[in-house]
Amino acid sequence: MSEQPPITVAPRFTRAIHIRRDFREQRNQLDGYQVTPLVRQAAGRIIAGLAPDGAERAFSIVGPFGAGKSAFGLFVAHFLQRTDAMRRDLLSALKVQDAAELLPVNAPSLLAVLVPGNNCSLRTAVIEALSEALDGAGICAQALVGLRQNLAAAAVGHAPDPGRVADLVTEAAQVLREHSRYRGLLLLVDELGQFLDYAARQDEERDLFVLQSLAEAAARSGDAPVLVVTILHQAFERYTLNAGPTRRIEWAKVQGRFVDLPFQEPASEMLRMVAAALRPATRDLLHAQRTAWADRMAPAADALGLRPATIGSAEWNRIIADSYPLHPMVLVALPVLFRQLAQNERSLFAFLHSDEPGALRDVMRDPASGHALPIYRLTHLYAYVEASLGQSLFSRARGQRYTSSE
């Protein structure tokens, strides 16, 4: 009996993003990142704030768990920190064509100040991230003397006043404009919800109002631009559900300083991502099987109305071929299923990569299939969902859809 060729998932789809660590690691810098229409639109909206007449420089990326928000933040940070030529190289490497309208390569270069989510004071985290980013900015030591002294003073003792934090960010942007290749800075706060949870538990309003101070500083930052981008999975006021009406009003005022950018990929983009995740990066040992499978199944799936309207016939054939051995009905069910029951893309790609009972790799090891790969069908997917979610599936409002009728 010949051994089955392995089913592998591209590495970038199988690991969680840590905004600061992954930004540093050269080998992981956006390799294979999918610049979808949503990514172009959201990034373009942020970059538009850098125009001379740009009025929006504080943004809040809001989307459910596992929707790819941190990876998006990583892309924006890399794009903005690069030079014009390096941005062209980046877009070319990511196979992005005709992106100039939404992603202008001649936008000002900004130093990326990255603040990963943490259970601590946001004011302290911003000061620490700013100090670390300036260390690698290539600025002569003499130009940084005064700013370093101010940062060191702010880091001593209790977390600094919100206005002081915003002043230091503004001062850093001015120093960058005058003494480096950067024109200003991008302050990117990933997993902001962790900081908001901390502020709510500690009853520390200053950790909330630092966001307001930063947004106001960004709005008036002029020709030494400060962009503030936060990433969280729910709106600000959701963190005050147990608070009184006055506090909820105050938090809503702070959120009003930020432009909300909803972030969740449509189902059609998720199908493209699944195909990209399963597409072989090197020699394809299953090329003949993929081709034959797609030639047989794509027209049938199209006739059943499974093909999304935004995906053409030729692309649909490639998606089904690349997604082999997923049955087309499983393929179109996956985005909706994991959006409703789990953590969107994160859980979807875990399903493709994990060895859990009933997951793709588990079914592919079926010895009864001989040398041919077994097709992963809806019956497999049902068994996987029931096994992985257990009783929690039936405790949900939608759980009755998966129970047998009496």
Protein backbone atom coordinates (compact mmCIF):
# COMPACT_ATOMS: atom_id res chain seq x y z
CA MET A 1 0.00 0.00 0.00
CA SER A 2 1.50 3.33 -1.04
CA GLU A 3 1.69 6.13 1.45
CA GLN A 4 -0.69 9.06 1.08
CA PRO A 5 0.86 12.45 0.25
CA PRO A 6 0.60 14.72 3.29
CA ILE A 7 -1.94 17.51 3.56
CA THR A 8 -0.17 20.60 4.89
CA VAL A 9 -1.28 24.09 5.78
CA ALA A 10 0.88 27.15 5.01
CA PRO A 11 2.62 28.20 8.27
CA ARG A 12 1.26 31.75 8.32
CA PHE A 13 -2.27 30.36 8.71
CA THR A 14 -1.41 28.20 11.73
CA ARG A 15 0.18 30.58 14.22
CA ALA A 16 -1.22 33.38 16.33
CA ILE A 17 0.16 36.87 15.77
CA HIS A 18 2.15 38.67 18.44
CA ILE A 19 2.37 42.18 17.06
CA ARG A 20 5.81 43.08 18.43
CA ARG A 21 7.56 39.70 18.12
CA ASP A 22 6.36 39.02 14.58
CA PHE A 23 7.23 42.53 13.45
CA ARG A 24 10.85 41.87 14.45
CA GLU A 25 11.23 38.38 13.00
CA GLN A 26 12.32 38.84 9.41
CA ARG A 27 11.40 35.32 8.28
CA ASN A 28 7.78 35.81 9.36
CA GLN A 29 7.26 39.28 7.93
CA LEU A 30 3.91 38.96 6.15
CA ASP A 31 4.97 35.89 4.16
CA GLY A 32 1.89 34.94 2.14
CA TYR A 33 -0.37 37.58 3.70
CA GLN A 34 -3.62 37.97 1.75
CA VAL A 35 -4.24 41.63 0.88
CA THR A 36 -7.99 41.34 0.47
CA PRO A 37 -10.36 44.13 -0.60
CA LEU A 38 -11.23 44.63 3.08
CA VAL A 39 -7.53 45.02 3.94
CA ARG A 40 -7.04 47.55 1.13
CA GLN A 41 -10.10 49.53 2.15
CA ALA A 42 -9.27 49.65 5.87
CA ALA A 43 -5.56 50.36 5.33
CA GLY A 44 -6.41 52.99 2.72
CA ARG A 45 -8.74 54.75 5.16
CA ILE A 46 -5.97 54.88 7.77
CA ILE A 47 -3.30 56.07 5.34
CA ALA A 48 -5.64 58.78 4.01
CA GLY A 49 -5.32 60.48 7.40
CA LEU A 50 -1.72 61.34 6.49
CA ALA A 51 -2.77 63.62 3.64
CA PRO A 52 -2.14 67.36 4.25
CA ASP A 53 -5.87 67.88 4.62
CA GLY A 54 -6.44 64.60 6.49
CA ALA A 55 -8.69 65.06 9.52
CA GLU A 56 -8.85 61.46 10.75
CA ARG A 57 -5.79 60.14 12.58
CA ALA A 58 -7.26 57.97 15.33
CA PHE A 59 -8.85 54.64 14.40
CA SER A 60 -10.35 51.66 16.14
CA ILE A 61 -10.25 48.32 14.29
CA VAL A 62 -13.19 46.33 15.66
CA GLY A 63 -13.95 42.72 14.81
CA PRO A 64 -14.65 39.34 16.41
CA PHE A 65 -12.00 37.04 17.85
CA GLY A 66 -9.85 35.35 15.24
CA ALA A 67 -10.83 37.67 12.38
CA GLY A 68 -7.24 38.54 11.42
CA LYS A 69 -7.10 41.97 13.04
CA SER A 70 -3.59 41.56 14.46
CA ALA A 71 -2.25 40.35 11.12
CA PHE A 72 -3.84 43.41 9.54
CA GLY A 73 -2.13 45.63 12.12
CA LEU A 74 1.18 43.96 11.27
CA PHE A 75 0.65 44.71 7.58
CA VAL A 76 -0.19 48.38 8.25
CA ALA A 77 2.85 48.79 10.51
CA HIS A 78 5.19 47.30 7.92
CA PHE A 79 3.71 49.32 5.09
CA LEU A 80 3.89 52.66 6.90
CA GLN A 81 7.40 52.17 8.27
CA ARG A 82 8.90 51.41 4.84
CA THR A 83 10.22 53.75 2.18
CA ASP A 84 8.42 54.21 -1.14
CA ALA A 85 10.64 51.67 -2.92
CA MET A 86 10.30 49.16 -0.09
CA ARG A 87 6.53 49.51 -0.17
CA ARG A 88 6.50 48.68 -3.88
CA ASP A 89 8.64 45.62 -3.16
CA LEU A 90 6.28 44.56 -0.37
CA LEU A 91 3.17 44.86 -2.51
CA SER A 92 4.89 43.03 -5.36
CA ALA A 93 5.94 40.19 -3.04
CA LEU A 94 2.36 39.91 -1.80
CA LYS A 95 1.11 39.86 -5.43
CA VAL A 96 -0.89 43.05 -5.00
CA GLN A 97 -1.70 44.79 -8.27
CA ASP A 98 -3.20 48.21 -8.90
CA ALA A 99 -3.15 49.07 -5.21
CA ALA A 100 -1.89 52.64 -5.57
CA GLU A 101 -5.36 54.18 -5.37
CA LEU A 102 -6.01 52.85 -1.86
CA LEU A 103 -2.42 52.22 -0.72
CA PRO A 104 -0.34 55.19 -1.90
CA VAL A 105 3.34 54.27 -1.74
CA ASN A 106 4.35 57.91 -1.38
CA ALA A 107 2.65 58.41 2.00
CA PRO A 108 4.96 59.67 4.77
CA SER A 109 7.06 56.98 6.47
CA LEU A 110 6.17 56.52 10.13
CA LEU A 111 8.05 54.77 12.91
CA ALA A 112 5.93 51.89 14.21
CA VAL A 113 5.42 52.00 17.98
CA LEU A 114 3.82 48.65 18.80
CA VAL A 115 1.95 48.03 22.05
CA PRO A 116 0.86 44.38 22.48
CA GLY A 117 -2.09 43.71 24.76
CA ASN A 118 -1.18 43.18 28.40
CA ASN A 119 -2.78 43.14 31.82
CA CYS A 120 -1.27 46.44 32.95
CA SER A 121 -1.62 50.19 32.68
CA LEU A 122 -1.93 51.41 29.10
CA ARG A 123 -0.05 54.59 29.99
CA THR A 124 2.94 52.60 31.19
CA ALA A 125 2.81 50.29 28.16
CA VAL A 126 2.82 53.23 25.72
CA ILE A 127 5.85 54.81 27.41
CA GLU A 128 7.77 51.52 27.33
CA ALA A 129 6.89 50.81 23.68
CA LEU A 130 7.84 54.35 22.65
CA SER A 131 11.24 54.07 24.36
CA GLU A 132 11.93 50.72 22.71
CA ALA A 133 10.92 51.91 19.23
CA LEU A 134 13.13 54.99 19.45
CA ASP A 135 16.13 52.79 20.30
CA GLY A 136 15.95 51.26 16.83
CA ALA A 137 15.00 54.37 14.89
CA GLY A 138 18.52 55.32 13.78
CA ILE A 139 18.49 58.74 15.48
CA CYS A 140 21.76 60.23 16.68
CA ALA A 141 22.10 60.04 20.45
CA GLN A 142 22.44 63.79 20.91
CA ALA A 143 19.04 64.48 19.34
CA LEU A 144 17.41 62.05 21.75
CA VAL A 145 18.92 63.33 25.01
CA GLY A 146 16.03 65.53 26.07
CA LEU A 147 13.34 63.09 24.96
CA ARG A 148 15.02 60.16 26.71
CA GLN A 149 15.21 62.15 29.92
CA ASN A 150 11.51 62.97 29.71
CA LEU A 151 10.60 59.32 28.99
CA ALA A 152 12.74 58.11 31.89
CA ALA A 153 11.09 60.60 34.25
CA ALA A 154 7.64 59.51 33.11
CA ALA A 155 8.49 55.83 33.70
CA VAL A 156 9.44 56.40 37.35
CA GLY A 157 6.88 55.74 40.05
CA HIS A 158 3.18 55.75 39.19
CA ALA A 159 1.95 55.77 35.61
CA PRO A 160 2.11 59.29 34.15
CA ASP A 161 -0.79 61.65 33.59
CA PRO A 162 -2.71 60.97 30.31
CA GLY A 163 -1.86 64.39 28.93
CA ARG A 164 1.82 63.82 29.66
CA VAL A 165 1.79 60.56 27.71
CA ALA A 166 0.23 62.30 24.71
CA ASP A 167 2.79 65.13 24.95
CA LEU A 168 5.66 62.63 24.89
CA VAL A 169 4.23 60.90 21.82
CA THR A 170 3.92 64.28 20.09
CA GLU A 171 7.48 65.22 21.09
CA ALA A 172 8.76 61.93 19.71
CA ALA A 173 7.03 62.57 16.37
CA GLN A 174 8.72 65.98 16.16
CA VAL A 175 12.16 64.50 16.94
CA LEU A 176 11.63 61.82 14.29
CA ARG A 177 10.69 64.38 11.67
CA GLU A 178 13.73 66.52 12.39
CA HIS A 179 16.40 63.85 12.97
CA SER A 180 15.47 60.68 11.06
CA ARG A 181 14.03 59.43 7.80
CA TYR A 182 10.62 59.14 9.46
CA ARG A 183 8.06 61.95 9.24
CA GLY A 184 6.18 60.95 12.38
CA LEU A 185 4.97 57.82 14.16
CA LEU A 186 2.28 55.16 14.19
CA LEU A 187 1.08 54.11 17.64
CA LEU A 188 -0.55 50.70 17.26
CA VAL A 189 -2.23 49.18 20.33
CA ASP A 190 -3.12 45.54 19.78
CA GLU A 191 -5.70 43.77 21.96
CA LEU A 192 -6.79 47.02 23.53
CA GLY A 193 -9.49 45.09 25.38
CA GLN A 194 -6.89 43.76 27.82
CA PHE A 195 -5.98 47.31 28.83
CA LEU A 196 -9.65 48.30 29.07
CA ASP A 197 -10.36 45.28 31.27
CA TYR A 198 -7.50 46.32 33.53
CA ALA A 199 -8.79 49.90 33.71
CA ALA A 200 -12.29 48.69 34.56
CA ARG A 201 -11.07 46.34 37.30
CA GLN A 202 -8.74 48.92 38.82
CA ASP A 203 -11.30 51.70 38.51
CA GLU A 204 -8.54 53.66 36.80
CA GLU A 205 -10.14 56.31 34.62
CA ARG A 206 -6.77 57.76 33.61
CA ASP A 207 -6.05 54.60 31.60
CA LEU A 208 -9.18 55.38 29.63
CA PHE A 209 -8.59 59.09 29.20
CA VAL A 210 -5.09 58.51 27.85
CA LEU A 211 -6.86 57.23 24.74
CA GLN A 212 -8.76 60.50 24.48
CA SER A 213 -5.55 62.49 24.96
CA LEU A 214 -3.76 60.46 22.30
CA ALA A 215 -6.62 60.84 19.83
CA GLU A 216 -6.70 64.60 20.36
CA ALA A 217 -2.91 64.81 19.97
CA ALA A 218 -3.14 62.85 16.73
CA ALA A 219 -5.83 65.17 15.36
CA ARG A 220 -3.62 68.22 15.84
CA SER A 221 -0.28 66.59 14.95
CA GLY A 222 0.08 68.51 11.68
CA ASP A 223 3.21 67.92 9.59
CA ALA A 224 4.76 65.60 12.20
CA PRO A 225 1.87 63.14 12.03
CA VAL A 226 0.81 60.83 14.81
CA LEU A 227 -1.48 57.98 13.78
CA VAL A 228 -3.20 56.09 16.59
CA VAL A 229 -4.67 52.69 15.71
CA THR A 230 -6.28 50.42 18.32
CA ILE A 231 -7.42 46.84 17.79
CA LEU A 232 -10.20 45.26 19.84
CA HIS A 233 -13.01 42.75 19.43
CA GLN A 234 -15.92 44.81 20.78
CA ALA A 235 -16.85 48.44 21.24
CA PHE A 236 -15.48 50.42 24.20
CA GLU A 237 -18.77 50.59 26.06
CA ARG A 238 -19.03 46.79 26.19
CA TYR A 239 -16.35 46.90 28.87
CA THR A 240 -18.63 48.93 31.17
CA LEU A 241 -21.71 46.71 31.17
CA ASN A 242 -21.59 46.53 34.97
CA ALA A 243 -20.77 50.20 35.45
CA GLY A 244 -23.12 53.05 36.17
CA PRO A 245 -24.65 55.31 33.50
CA THR A 246 -22.18 58.14 34.11
CA ARG A 247 -19.18 55.91 33.47
CA ARG A 248 -20.74 54.42 30.36
CA ILE A 249 -21.31 57.92 29.00
CA GLU A 250 -17.67 58.84 29.65
CA TRP A 251 -16.38 55.75 27.90
CA ALA A 252 -18.66 56.40 24.93
CA LYS A 253 -17.21 59.92 24.67
CA VAL A 254 -13.71 58.48 24.44
CA GLN A 255 -14.75 56.04 21.74
CA GLY A 256 -16.23 58.95 19.83
CA ARG A 257 -12.69 60.30 19.32
CA PHE A 258 -11.88 57.24 17.20
CA VAL A 259 -13.09 56.28 13.74
CA ASP A 260 -14.51 52.75 13.96
CA LEU A 261 -13.39 50.44 11.15
CA PRO A 262 -15.31 47.13 11.26
CA PHE A 263 -13.08 44.20 10.32
CA GLN A 264 -14.54 40.87 9.26
CA GLU A 265 -13.84 39.19 5.95
CA PRO A 266 -16.83 38.10 3.82
CA ALA A 267 -17.34 34.38 3.23
CA SER A 268 -15.99 34.57 -0.33
CA GLU A 269 -12.63 35.82 0.94
CA MET A 270 -12.53 33.03 3.47
CA LEU A 271 -12.88 30.50 0.65
CA ARG A 272 -9.89 32.09 -1.06
CA MET A 273 -7.92 31.90 2.20
CA VAL A 274 -8.72 28.21 2.66
CA ALA A 275 -7.49 27.55 -0.87
CA ALA A 276 -4.31 29.56 -0.21
CA ALA A 277 -3.71 27.68 3.05
CA LEU A 278 -3.98 24.24 1.41
CA ARG A 279 -2.21 25.14 -1.85
CA PRO A 280 1.18 23.37 -2.02
CA ALA A 281 4.14 25.70 -1.69
CA THR A 282 6.50 23.28 -3.46
CA ARG A 283 6.00 20.22 -5.68
CA ASP A 284 2.36 19.17 -5.81
CA LEU A 285 2.13 15.40 -5.53
CA LEU A 286 -1.64 15.60 -5.86
CA HIS A 287 -1.82 17.73 -9.00
CA ALA A 288 -3.58 15.10 -11.12
CA GLN A 289 -6.12 14.33 -8.40
CA ARG A 290 -6.79 18.01 -7.78
CA THR A 291 -7.35 18.73 -11.45
CA ALA A 292 -9.66 15.77 -12.00
CA TRP A 293 -11.60 16.59 -8.82
CA ALA A 294 -12.11 20.24 -9.76
CA ASP A 295 -13.10 19.43 -13.36
CA ARG A 296 -15.78 17.10 -12.04
CA MET A 297 -17.02 19.03 -9.01
CA ALA A 298 -16.78 22.72 -9.93
CA PRO A 299 -19.57 22.65 -12.56
CA ALA A 300 -21.80 20.57 -10.29
CA ALA A 301 -21.23 22.88 -7.33
CA ASP A 302 -21.86 25.89 -9.55
CA ALA A 303 -25.14 24.37 -10.77
CA LEU A 304 -26.24 23.98 -7.15
CA GLY A 305 -25.61 27.68 -6.49
CA LEU A 306 -22.65 27.12 -4.17
CA ARG A 307 -20.32 29.53 -5.97
CA PRO A 308 -20.38 33.03 -4.44
CA ALA A 309 -21.36 35.77 -6.87
CA THR A 310 -18.01 37.54 -6.39
CA ILE A 311 -16.02 34.48 -7.54
CA GLY A 312 -15.80 33.79 -11.28
CA SER A 313 -16.05 30.32 -12.84
CA ALA A 314 -12.33 29.98 -13.57
CA GLU A 315 -11.36 31.07 -10.06
CA TRP A 316 -14.00 28.75 -8.61
CA ASN A 317 -12.37 25.83 -10.39
CA ARG A 318 -8.94 26.79 -8.96
CA ILE A 319 -10.34 27.19 -5.43
CA ILE A 320 -11.92 23.73 -5.51
CA ALA A 321 -8.70 22.23 -6.89
CA ASP A 322 -6.52 23.93 -4.27
CA SER A 323 -8.94 22.97 -1.48
CA TYR A 324 -8.91 19.27 -2.36
CA PRO A 325 -9.82 16.97 -0.59
CA LEU A 326 -12.52 19.22 0.94
CA HIS A 327 -15.91 18.62 -0.65
CA PRO A 328 -17.32 21.89 -2.08
CA MET A 329 -20.28 21.72 0.31
CA VAL A 330 -17.86 21.57 3.24
CA LEU A 331 -15.83 24.38 1.73
CA VAL A 332 -18.75 26.81 1.60
CA ALA A 333 -20.02 25.72 5.03
CA LEU A 334 -16.74 26.33 6.87
CA PRO A 335 -16.74 30.17 7.00
CA VAL A 336 -20.34 30.38 8.18
CA LEU A 337 -19.93 27.54 10.67
CA PHE A 338 -16.84 28.90 12.39
CA ARG A 339 -18.19 32.44 12.38
CA GLN A 340 -21.27 31.26 14.25
CA LEU A 341 -19.76 28.71 16.61
CA ALA A 342 -16.11 29.57 17.17
CA GLN A 343 -13.42 32.16 16.46
CA ASN A 344 -13.69 32.81 12.72
CA GLU A 345 -10.46 32.33 10.75
CA ARG A 346 -8.49 31.25 13.80
CA SER A 347 -10.72 28.25 14.47
CA LEU A 348 -11.12 27.50 10.78
CA PHE A 349 -7.39 27.16 10.18
CA ALA A 350 -6.98 25.23 13.43
CA PHE A 351 -9.51 22.77 11.99
CA LEU A 352 -7.38 22.41 8.84
CA HIS A 353 -4.14 21.96 10.76
CA SER A 354 -5.01 20.17 14.00
CA ASP A 355 -5.04 16.44 14.78
CA GLU A 356 -8.33 16.61 16.68
CA PRO A 357 -10.73 13.71 16.10
CA GLY A 358 -12.74 14.35 12.97
CA ALA A 359 -10.60 17.27 11.75
CA LEU A 360 -9.16 17.24 8.23
CA ARG A 361 -5.80 15.67 9.06
CA ASP A 362 -7.45 12.99 11.18
CA VAL A 363 -9.75 11.91 8.37
CA MET A 364 -6.86 11.96 5.90
CA ARG A 365 -5.15 9.24 7.95
CA ASP A 366 -8.00 6.80 7.33
CA PRO A 367 -6.25 3.51 6.40
CA ALA A 368 -9.33 2.28 4.53
CA SER A 369 -8.72 4.78 1.76
CA GLY A 370 -5.57 3.06 0.49
CA HIS A 371 -3.47 5.29 -1.75
CA ALA A 372 -6.33 7.69 -2.53
CA LEU A 373 -7.21 10.58 -0.26
CA PRO A 374 -10.65 10.31 1.32
CA ILE A 375 -12.95 13.20 0.49
CA TYR A 376 -13.81 15.28 3.53
CA ARG A 377 -17.61 15.48 3.52
CA LEU A 378 -20.38 17.09 5.55
CA THR A 379 -20.74 13.95 7.64
CA HIS A 380 -17.11 14.33 8.75
CA LEU A 381 -17.65 18.01 9.54
CA TYR A 382 -20.76 17.26 11.62
CA ALA A 383 -18.85 14.65 13.62
CA TYR A 384 -15.96 17.05 14.15
CA VAL A 385 -18.20 19.86 15.42
CA GLU A 386 -20.07 17.52 17.75
CA ALA A 387 -16.83 16.03 19.11
CA SER A 388 -14.93 19.30 19.52
CA LEU A 389 -17.72 21.43 20.99
CA GLY A 390 -19.55 18.70 22.88
CA GLN A 391 -22.44 19.75 25.10
CA SER A 392 -21.55 23.42 24.71
CA LEU A 393 -22.88 23.20 21.16
CA PHE A 394 -26.38 22.36 22.34
CA SER A 395 -26.41 25.02 25.05
CA ARG A 396 -26.26 27.77 22.43
CA ALA A 397 -29.31 29.45 20.94
CA ARG A 398 -28.51 27.95 17.53
CA GLY A 399 -27.77 24.53 18.97
CA GLN A 400 -31.17 23.11 18.01
CA ARG A 401 -30.10 23.19 14.36
CA TYR A 402 -27.66 20.40 15.15
CA THR A 403 -29.95 18.24 17.30
CA SER A 404 -32.10 15.48 15.96
CA SER A 405 -35.80 16.29 15.74
CA GLU A 406 -38.04 14.18 17.93
